[in-house]
Amino acid sequence: MKTRIVPASHGWLWIKQAFGLFRQSPLIWVTLSISVILIGATLGMIPFLGSVLFQLIAPGLTAGLLLGCRAQQQGEELEIAHLFAGFKSHGAQLVTVGGIYLTGMLIIAAIVGMIGGEPLIRALTAGHPSADTVATTGMAGMNMMPVLVGLALLIPLLMAYWFAPALVVFGNMRPVDALKTSLAASLNNVTAFLVYGLSIFLLFILATLPIMLGFLIMIPIAFISYYTAFEDVFGDDAVSQISKTV
């Protein structure tokens, strides 16, 4: 699939466009997002195995949300069933993406563990972490070296994962090719991702007020932004298509 290099300002545009899709079916999006969280929390109650299983199915759940975004964009109705739609069409490939991602996480954990980063290992193996949560967890009770090494390894892995589910379900790519393409596209658009990351971080801080109700909006928007970013970076006329929903 053709990759575009977009301006840094598009990092904010992804969030704006995600809100446009969210406001079309807010209750369904909140339900879908809570469902993903509940699946992760339920599996997390199973020691170790639950986290492993969630890592394996996470790309499939993400793909289902992406398919829901595409359905909305095409004027179709968003449904709860979209959450599992990715497994029906590309289940094996998406689980493979999760397996490669999990393997990468375990390798990072092993490397960090060798330099005294046990708290960071616990963060890496808890659910589906982001770079900022790993940094926050890791810096409590350990020196900075394991944190910096962990982030240096984790960020490229997250970049490789970011577009991979979309490339599998929309581009019909093989898992390894999808991860490679995602990494290259993310590196080519690193400035947009910096703007996106900072914006989403600040918005999540604002979402804590009042009494964290803003998370009911921000969590769905974060999920939807996988799709808006993908459409912008990989679609020739993606901006004009998505902007119709804003």
C-alpha atoms as a PDB file:
ATOM      1  CA  MET A   1       0.000   0.000   0.000  1.00  0.00           C
ATOM      2  CA  LYS A   2       1.142   3.519  -0.811  1.00  0.00           C
ATOM      3  CA  THR A   3       2.393   5.529   2.152  1.00  0.00           C
ATOM      4  CA  ARG A   4       2.087   9.289   2.476  1.00  0.00           C
ATOM      5  CA  ILE A   5       4.184  11.664   4.548  1.00  0.00           C
ATOM      6  CA  VAL A   6       1.782  14.064   6.236  1.00  0.00           C
ATOM      7  CA  PRO A   7       2.406  17.391   8.016  1.00  0.00           C
ATOM      8  CA  ALA A   8       2.995  17.418  11.763  1.00  0.00           C
ATOM      9  CA  SER A   9      -0.344  19.192  12.242  1.00  0.00           C
ATOM     10  CA  HIS A  10      -2.144  16.066  11.063  1.00  0.00           C
ATOM     11  CA  GLY A  11      -1.411  14.497  14.437  1.00  0.00           C
ATOM     12  CA  TRP A  12      -4.120  16.766  15.823  1.00  0.00           C
ATOM     13  CA  LEU A  13      -6.275  16.215  12.746  1.00  0.00           C
ATOM     14  CA  TRP A  14      -6.409  12.465  13.508  1.00  0.00           C
ATOM     15  CA  ILE A  15      -7.940  13.244  16.883  1.00  0.00           C
ATOM     16  CA  LYS A  16     -10.400  15.750  15.428  1.00  0.00           C
ATOM     17  CA  GLN A  17     -11.517  13.273  12.782  1.00  0.00           C
ATOM     18  CA  ALA A  18     -11.798  10.521  15.399  1.00  0.00           C
ATOM     19  CA  PHE A  19     -14.174  12.722  17.372  1.00  0.00           C
ATOM     20  CA  GLY A  20     -16.213  13.210  14.208  1.00  0.00           C
ATOM     21  CA  LEU A  21     -16.716   9.451  13.904  1.00  0.00           C
ATOM     22  CA  PHE A  22     -17.335   9.093  17.643  1.00  0.00           C
ATOM     23  CA  ARG A  23     -20.135  11.616  17.755  1.00  0.00           C
ATOM     24  CA  GLN A  24     -22.069   9.732  15.068  1.00  0.00           C
ATOM     25  CA  SER A  25     -22.652   6.781  17.446  1.00  0.00           C
ATOM     26  CA  PRO A  26     -21.352   7.779  20.889  1.00  0.00           C
ATOM     27  CA  LEU A  27     -23.237   5.159  22.904  1.00  0.00           C
ATOM     28  CA  ILE A  28     -22.090   2.312  20.667  1.00  0.00           C
ATOM     29  CA  TRP A  29     -18.499   3.535  20.765  1.00  0.00           C
ATOM     30  CA  VAL A  30     -18.547   3.779  24.546  1.00  0.00           C
ATOM     31  CA  THR A  31     -19.990   0.267  24.736  1.00  0.00           C
ATOM     32  CA  LEU A  32     -17.351  -1.098  22.362  1.00  0.00           C
ATOM     33  CA  SER A  33     -14.537   0.566  24.299  1.00  0.00           C
ATOM     34  CA  ILE A  34     -15.798  -0.661  27.648  1.00  0.00           C
ATOM     35  CA  SER A  35     -16.113  -4.145  26.162  1.00  0.00           C
ATOM     36  CA  VAL A  36     -12.440  -4.149  25.181  1.00  0.00           C
ATOM     37  CA  ILE A  37     -11.458  -2.969  28.656  1.00  0.00           C
ATOM     38  CA  LEU A  38     -13.632  -5.598  30.323  1.00  0.00           C
ATOM     39  CA  ILE A  39     -12.164  -8.338  28.138  1.00  0.00           C
ATOM     40  CA  GLY A  40      -8.681  -7.229  29.111  1.00  0.00           C
ATOM     41  CA  ALA A  41      -9.596  -6.946  32.804  1.00  0.00           C
ATOM     42  CA  THR A  42     -11.271 -10.366  32.839  1.00  0.00           C
ATOM     43  CA  LEU A  43      -8.337 -12.068  31.169  1.00  0.00           C
ATOM     44  CA  GLY A  44      -5.995 -10.154  33.454  1.00  0.00           C
ATOM     45  CA  MET A  45      -7.450 -12.029  36.398  1.00  0.00           C
ATOM     46  CA  ILE A  46      -5.791 -15.181  35.059  1.00  0.00           C
ATOM     47  CA  PRO A  47      -2.142 -15.051  36.205  1.00  0.00           C
ATOM     48  CA  PHE A  48       0.296 -14.616  33.291  1.00  0.00           C
ATOM     49  CA  LEU A  49      -1.751 -16.685  30.843  1.00  0.00           C
ATOM     50  CA  GLY A  50      -4.509 -14.082  30.765  1.00  0.00           C
ATOM     51  CA  SER A  51      -2.123 -11.283  29.773  1.00  0.00           C
ATOM     52  CA  VAL A  52      -0.588 -13.501  27.093  1.00  0.00           C
ATOM     53  CA  LEU A  53      -4.001 -14.340  25.669  1.00  0.00           C
ATOM     54  CA  PHE A  54      -5.043 -10.694  25.614  1.00  0.00           C
ATOM     55  CA  GLN A  55      -1.872  -9.736  23.759  1.00  0.00           C
ATOM     56  CA  LEU A  56      -2.701 -12.367  21.153  1.00  0.00           C
ATOM     57  CA  ILE A  57      -6.288 -11.250  20.581  1.00  0.00           C
ATOM     58  CA  ALA A  58      -5.712  -7.486  20.931  1.00  0.00           C
ATOM     59  CA  PRO A  59      -4.936  -6.985  17.203  1.00  0.00           C
ATOM     60  CA  GLY A  60      -8.170  -8.796  16.337  1.00  0.00           C
ATOM     61  CA  LEU A  61     -10.188  -6.544  18.631  1.00  0.00           C
ATOM     62  CA  THR A  62      -8.431  -3.496  17.199  1.00  0.00           C
ATOM     63  CA  ALA A  63      -9.203  -4.703  13.669  1.00  0.00           C
ATOM     64  CA  GLY A  64     -12.871  -5.057  14.607  1.00  0.00           C
ATOM     65  CA  LEU A  65     -12.977  -1.446  15.740  1.00  0.00           C
ATOM     66  CA  LEU A  66     -11.274  -0.401  12.509  1.00  0.00           C
ATOM     67  CA  LEU A  67     -13.871  -2.257  10.485  1.00  0.00           C
ATOM     68  CA  GLY A  68     -16.528  -0.443  12.488  1.00  0.00           C
ATOM     69  CA  CYS A  69     -14.909   2.862  11.538  1.00  0.00           C
ATOM     70  CA  ARG A  70     -14.880   1.886   7.875  1.00  0.00           C
ATOM     71  CA  ALA A  71     -18.543   0.877   8.070  1.00  0.00           C
ATOM     72  CA  GLN A  72     -19.438   4.268   9.543  1.00  0.00           C
ATOM     73  CA  GLN A  73     -17.431   6.078   6.897  1.00  0.00           C
ATOM     74  CA  GLN A  74     -19.362   4.232   4.199  1.00  0.00           C
ATOM     75  CA  GLY A  75     -22.710   5.171   5.730  1.00  0.00           C
ATOM     76  CA  GLU A  76     -23.396   1.828   7.372  1.00  0.00           C
ATOM     77  CA  GLU A  77     -24.561   1.350  10.946  1.00  0.00           C
ATOM     78  CA  LEU A  78     -21.981   0.708  13.659  1.00  0.00           C
ATOM     79  CA  GLU A  79     -22.744  -2.467  15.596  1.00  0.00           C
ATOM     80  CA  ILE A  80     -21.382  -4.251  18.663  1.00  0.00           C
ATOM     81  CA  ALA A  81     -20.688  -7.230  16.392  1.00  0.00           C
ATOM     82  CA  HIS A  82     -17.995  -5.203  14.646  1.00  0.00           C
ATOM     83  CA  LEU A  83     -15.745  -5.827  17.653  1.00  0.00           C
ATOM     84  CA  PHE A  84     -15.178  -9.422  16.555  1.00  0.00           C
ATOM     85  CA  ALA A  85     -15.451  -8.914  12.786  1.00  0.00           C
ATOM     86  CA  GLY A  86     -11.685  -8.965  12.311  1.00  0.00           C
ATOM     87  CA  PHE A  87     -11.464 -12.538  13.560  1.00  0.00           C
ATOM     88  CA  LYS A  88     -13.934 -13.683  10.904  1.00  0.00           C
ATOM     89  CA  SER A  89     -11.928 -12.419   7.946  1.00  0.00           C
ATOM     90  CA  HIS A  90      -8.301 -12.406   9.128  1.00  0.00           C
ATOM     91  CA  GLY A  91      -8.248 -14.219  12.462  1.00  0.00           C
ATOM     92  CA  ALA A  92      -5.041 -16.222  11.998  1.00  0.00           C
ATOM     93  CA  GLN A  93      -3.079 -13.275  10.608  1.00  0.00           C
ATOM     94  CA  LEU A  94      -4.192 -10.960  13.413  1.00  0.00           C
ATOM     95  CA  VAL A  95      -3.317 -13.495  16.112  1.00  0.00           C
ATOM     96  CA  THR A  96       0.080 -13.859  14.449  1.00  0.00           C
ATOM     97  CA  VAL A  97       0.570 -10.089  14.687  1.00  0.00           C
ATOM     98  CA  GLY A  98      -0.264 -10.381  18.380  1.00  0.00           C
ATOM     99  CA  GLY A  99       2.192 -13.249  18.756  1.00  0.00           C
ATOM    100  CA  ILE A 100       5.020 -11.302  17.126  1.00  0.00           C
ATOM    101  CA  TYR A 101       4.192  -8.277  19.262  1.00  0.00           C
ATOM    102  CA  LEU A 102       4.168 -10.449  22.387  1.00  0.00           C
ATOM    103  CA  THR A 103       7.511 -11.983  21.445  1.00  0.00           C
ATOM    104  CA  GLY A 104       8.954  -8.507  21.050  1.00  0.00           C
ATOM    105  CA  MET A 105       7.625  -7.522  24.456  1.00  0.00           C
ATOM    106  CA  LEU A 106       9.207 -10.594  26.066  1.00  0.00           C
ATOM    107  CA  ILE A 107      12.557  -9.879  24.412  1.00  0.00           C
ATOM    108  CA  ILE A 108      12.434  -6.286  25.662  1.00  0.00           C
ATOM    109  CA  ALA A 109      11.508  -7.533  29.135  1.00  0.00           C
ATOM    110  CA  ALA A 110      14.465  -9.936  29.109  1.00  0.00           C
ATOM    111  CA  ILE A 111      16.890  -7.206  28.056  1.00  0.00           C
ATOM    112  CA  VAL A 112      15.559  -4.747  30.613  1.00  0.00           C
ATOM    113  CA  GLY A 113      15.592  -7.428  33.297  1.00  0.00           C
ATOM    114  CA  MET A 114      19.286  -8.031  32.719  1.00  0.00           C
ATOM    115  CA  ILE A 115      20.019  -4.394  33.593  1.00  0.00           C
ATOM    116  CA  GLY A 116      17.889  -4.306  36.744  1.00  0.00           C
ATOM    117  CA  GLY A 117      14.501  -3.244  35.432  1.00  0.00           C
ATOM    118  CA  GLU A 118      12.142  -5.635  37.219  1.00  0.00           C
ATOM    119  CA  PRO A 119       9.436  -2.964  37.818  1.00  0.00           C
ATOM    120  CA  LEU A 120       9.507  -2.118  34.124  1.00  0.00           C
ATOM    121  CA  ILE A 121       9.116  -5.802  33.261  1.00  0.00           C
ATOM    122  CA  ARG A 122       5.913  -5.888  35.290  1.00  0.00           C
ATOM    123  CA  ALA A 123       4.662  -2.877  33.311  1.00  0.00           C
ATOM    124  CA  LEU A 124       5.569  -4.498  29.991  1.00  0.00           C
ATOM    125  CA  THR A 125       3.726  -7.711  30.819  1.00  0.00           C
ATOM    126  CA  ALA A 126       0.580  -6.033  32.214  1.00  0.00           C
ATOM    127  CA  GLY A 127      -2.033  -5.922  29.466  1.00  0.00           C
ATOM    128  CA  HIS A 128      -1.273  -3.763  26.410  1.00  0.00           C
ATOM    129  CA  PRO A 129       0.968  -0.932  27.672  1.00  0.00           C
ATOM    130  CA  SER A 130       1.749   2.372  26.062  1.00  0.00           C
ATOM    131  CA  ALA A 131       5.055   4.178  26.192  1.00  0.00           C
ATOM    132  CA  ASP A 132       3.863   6.740  28.746  1.00  0.00           C
ATOM    133  CA  THR A 133       2.419   4.151  31.169  1.00  0.00           C
ATOM    134  CA  VAL A 134       5.599   2.115  30.976  1.00  0.00           C
ATOM    135  CA  ALA A 135       7.689   5.192  31.708  1.00  0.00           C
ATOM    136  CA  THR A 136       5.533   6.181  34.677  1.00  0.00           C
ATOM    137  CA  THR A 137       5.497   2.688  36.164  1.00  0.00           C
ATOM    138  CA  GLY A 138       9.126   2.051  35.464  1.00  0.00           C
ATOM    139  CA  MET A 139      10.464   5.244  37.038  1.00  0.00           C
ATOM    140  CA  ALA A 140       8.908   4.374  40.396  1.00  0.00           C
ATOM    141  CA  GLY A 141      11.530   2.467  42.326  1.00  0.00           C
ATOM    142  CA  MET A 142      14.280   2.056  39.721  1.00  0.00           C
ATOM    143  CA  ASN A 143      17.059   4.020  38.069  1.00  0.00           C
ATOM    144  CA  MET A 144      16.599   5.685  34.725  1.00  0.00           C
ATOM    145  CA  MET A 145      18.815   3.433  32.625  1.00  0.00           C
ATOM    146  CA  PRO A 146      16.370   0.491  32.388  1.00  0.00           C
ATOM    147  CA  VAL A 147      13.548   2.956  31.630  1.00  0.00           C
ATOM    148  CA  LEU A 148      15.466   4.627  28.807  1.00  0.00           C
ATOM    149  CA  VAL A 149      16.563   1.308  27.340  1.00  0.00           C
ATOM    150  CA  GLY A 150      13.026  -0.046  27.635  1.00  0.00           C
ATOM    151  CA  LEU A 151      11.524   2.980  25.903  1.00  0.00           C
ATOM    152  CA  ALA A 152      14.170   2.934  23.168  1.00  0.00           C
ATOM    153  CA  LEU A 153      13.136  -0.630  22.365  1.00  0.00           C
ATOM    154  CA  LEU A 154       9.417  -0.284  23.047  1.00  0.00           C
ATOM    155  CA  ILE A 155       8.684   2.752  20.890  1.00  0.00           C
ATOM    156  CA  PRO A 156       9.769   1.096  17.600  1.00  0.00           C
ATOM    157  CA  LEU A 157       7.739  -1.976  18.553  1.00  0.00           C
ATOM    158  CA  LEU A 158       4.666   0.181  19.139  1.00  0.00           C
ATOM    159  CA  MET A 159       5.282   1.886  15.792  1.00  0.00           C
ATOM    160  CA  ALA A 160       5.412  -1.507  14.091  1.00  0.00           C
ATOM    161  CA  TYR A 161       2.142  -2.486  15.749  1.00  0.00           C
ATOM    162  CA  TRP A 162       0.230   0.768  15.199  1.00  0.00           C
ATOM    163  CA  PHE A 163      -0.895   0.268  11.594  1.00  0.00           C
ATOM    164  CA  ALA A 164      -0.432  -3.510  11.449  1.00  0.00           C
ATOM    165  CA  PRO A 165      -4.054  -4.582  12.178  1.00  0.00           C
ATOM    166  CA  ALA A 166      -5.345  -2.103   9.591  1.00  0.00           C
ATOM    167  CA  LEU A 167      -2.823  -3.264   7.003  1.00  0.00           C
ATOM    168  CA  VAL A 168      -3.923  -6.855   7.573  1.00  0.00           C
ATOM    169  CA  VAL A 169      -7.679  -6.278   7.282  1.00  0.00           C
ATOM    170  CA  PHE A 170      -7.664  -3.500   4.670  1.00  0.00           C
ATOM    171  CA  GLY A 171      -4.454  -4.262   2.757  1.00  0.00           C
ATOM    172  CA  ASN A 172      -4.597  -8.045   3.134  1.00  0.00           C
ATOM    173  CA  MET A 173      -0.922  -8.020   4.108  1.00  0.00           C
ATOM    174  CA  ARG A 174       0.926 -10.845   5.760  1.00  0.00           C
ATOM    175  CA  PRO A 175       1.723 -10.180   9.442  1.00  0.00           C
ATOM    176  CA  VAL A 176       5.464  -9.586   9.036  1.00  0.00           C
ATOM    177  CA  ASP A 177       4.955  -7.345   6.024  1.00  0.00           C
ATOM    178  CA  ALA A 178       2.266  -5.396   7.885  1.00  0.00           C
ATOM    179  CA  LEU A 179       4.579  -4.812  10.852  1.00  0.00           C
ATOM    180  CA  LYS A 180       7.448  -3.701   8.616  1.00  0.00           C
ATOM    181  CA  THR A 181       5.205  -1.351   6.649  1.00  0.00           C
ATOM    182  CA  SER A 182       3.731   0.086   9.829  1.00  0.00           C
ATOM    183  CA  LEU A 183       7.184   0.785  11.256  1.00  0.00           C
ATOM    184  CA  ALA A 184       8.340   2.494   8.070  1.00  0.00           C
ATOM    185  CA  ALA A 185       5.169   4.592   7.819  1.00  0.00           C
ATOM    186  CA  SER A 186       5.407   5.624  11.475  1.00  0.00           C
ATOM    187  CA  LEU A 187       9.049   6.643  11.145  1.00  0.00           C
ATOM    188  CA  ASN A 188       8.237   8.646   8.014  1.00  0.00           C
ATOM    189  CA  ASN A 189       5.541  10.509   9.958  1.00  0.00           C
ATOM    190  CA  VAL A 190       7.292  10.808  13.308  1.00  0.00           C
ATOM    191  CA  THR A 191       6.531  14.535  13.636  1.00  0.00           C
ATOM    192  CA  ALA A 192       2.801  13.916  13.218  1.00  0.00           C
ATOM    193  CA  PHE A 193       3.007  11.175  15.825  1.00  0.00           C
ATOM    194  CA  LEU A 194       4.786  13.514  18.229  1.00  0.00           C
ATOM    195  CA  VAL A 195       1.959  16.056  17.876  1.00  0.00           C
ATOM    196  CA  TYR A 196      -0.608  13.258  18.203  1.00  0.00           C
ATOM    197  CA  GLY A 197       1.076  11.779  21.281  1.00  0.00           C
ATOM    198  CA  LEU A 198       1.369  15.105  23.073  1.00  0.00           C
ATOM    199  CA  SER A 199      -2.207  16.073  22.196  1.00  0.00           C
ATOM    200  CA  ILE A 200      -3.716  12.768  23.287  1.00  0.00           C
ATOM    201  CA  PHE A 201      -1.678  12.875  26.514  1.00  0.00           C
ATOM    202  CA  LEU A 202      -2.955  16.362  27.392  1.00  0.00           C
ATOM    203  CA  LEU A 203      -6.515  15.431  26.501  1.00  0.00           C
ATOM    204  CA  PHE A 204      -6.381  12.374  28.747  1.00  0.00           C
ATOM    205  CA  ILE A 205      -5.222  14.622  31.592  1.00  0.00           C
ATOM    206  CA  LEU A 206      -8.204  16.908  30.958  1.00  0.00           C
ATOM    207  CA  ALA A 207     -10.426  13.819  30.801  1.00  0.00           C
ATOM    208  CA  THR A 208      -9.837  13.214  34.505  1.00  0.00           C
ATOM    209  CA  LEU A 209     -12.099  16.209  35.210  1.00  0.00           C
ATOM    210  CA  PRO A 210     -14.767  15.943  36.394  1.00  0.00           C
ATOM    211  CA  ILE A 211     -14.544  12.579  38.141  1.00  0.00           C
ATOM    212  CA  MET A 212     -12.877  11.027  35.106  1.00  0.00           C
ATOM    213  CA  LEU A 213     -16.067  11.028  32.996  1.00  0.00           C
ATOM    214  CA  GLY A 214     -14.024  12.376  30.115  1.00  0.00           C
ATOM    215  CA  PHE A 215     -12.495   8.923  29.712  1.00  0.00           C
ATOM    216  CA  LEU A 216     -15.814   7.747  28.292  1.00  0.00           C
ATOM    217  CA  ILE A 217     -15.058  10.030  25.355  1.00  0.00           C
ATOM    218  CA  MET A 218     -11.277   9.868  25.182  1.00  0.00           C
ATOM    219  CA  ILE A 219     -10.902   6.081  25.221  1.00  0.00           C
ATOM    220  CA  PRO A 220     -13.151   5.612  22.156  1.00  0.00           C
ATOM    221  CA  ILE A 221     -11.400   8.501  20.410  1.00  0.00           C
ATOM    222  CA  ALA A 222      -8.040   6.877  21.092  1.00  0.00           C
ATOM    223  CA  PHE A 223      -9.271   3.646  19.514  1.00  0.00           C
ATOM    224  CA  ILE A 224     -10.795   5.429  16.512  1.00  0.00           C
ATOM    225  CA  SER A 225      -7.596   7.396  15.925  1.00  0.00           C
ATOM    226  CA  TYR A 226      -5.916   4.156  14.809  1.00  0.00           C
ATOM    227  CA  TYR A 227      -8.241   4.344  11.826  1.00  0.00           C
ATOM    228  CA  THR A 228      -8.074   8.068  11.101  1.00  0.00           C
ATOM    229  CA  ALA A 229      -4.274   7.948  11.188  1.00  0.00           C
ATOM    230  CA  PHE A 230      -4.266   4.933   8.876  1.00  0.00           C
ATOM    231  CA  GLU A 231      -6.602   6.589   6.378  1.00  0.00           C
ATOM    232  CA  ASP A 232      -4.501   9.733   6.363  1.00  0.00           C
ATOM    233  CA  VAL A 233      -1.145   7.998   5.924  1.00  0.00           C
ATOM    234  CA  PHE A 234      -2.217   5.216   3.554  1.00  0.00           C
ATOM    235  CA  GLY A 235      -5.178   6.723   1.678  1.00  0.00           C
ATOM    236  CA  ASP A 236      -4.593   9.084  -1.237  1.00  0.00           C
ATOM    237  CA  ASP A 237      -7.904  10.862  -0.674  1.00  0.00           C
ATOM    238  CA  ALA A 238      -8.313   9.880   2.961  1.00  0.00           C
ATOM    239  CA  VAL A 239      -8.494  13.391   4.362  1.00  0.00           C
ATOM    240  CA  SER A 240     -11.349  14.385   2.093  1.00  0.00           C
ATOM    241  CA  GLN A 241     -13.173  11.134   2.837  1.00  0.00           C
ATOM    242  CA  ILE A 242     -12.941  11.334   6.610  1.00  0.00           C
ATOM    243  CA  SER A 243     -13.555  15.077   6.744  1.00  0.00           C
ATOM    244  CA  LYS A 244     -17.071  14.420   5.516  1.00  0.00           C
ATOM    245  CA  THR A 245     -17.803  12.924   8.948  1.00  0.00           C
ATOM    246  CA  VAL A 246     -16.391  15.860  10.932  1.00  0.00           C
END
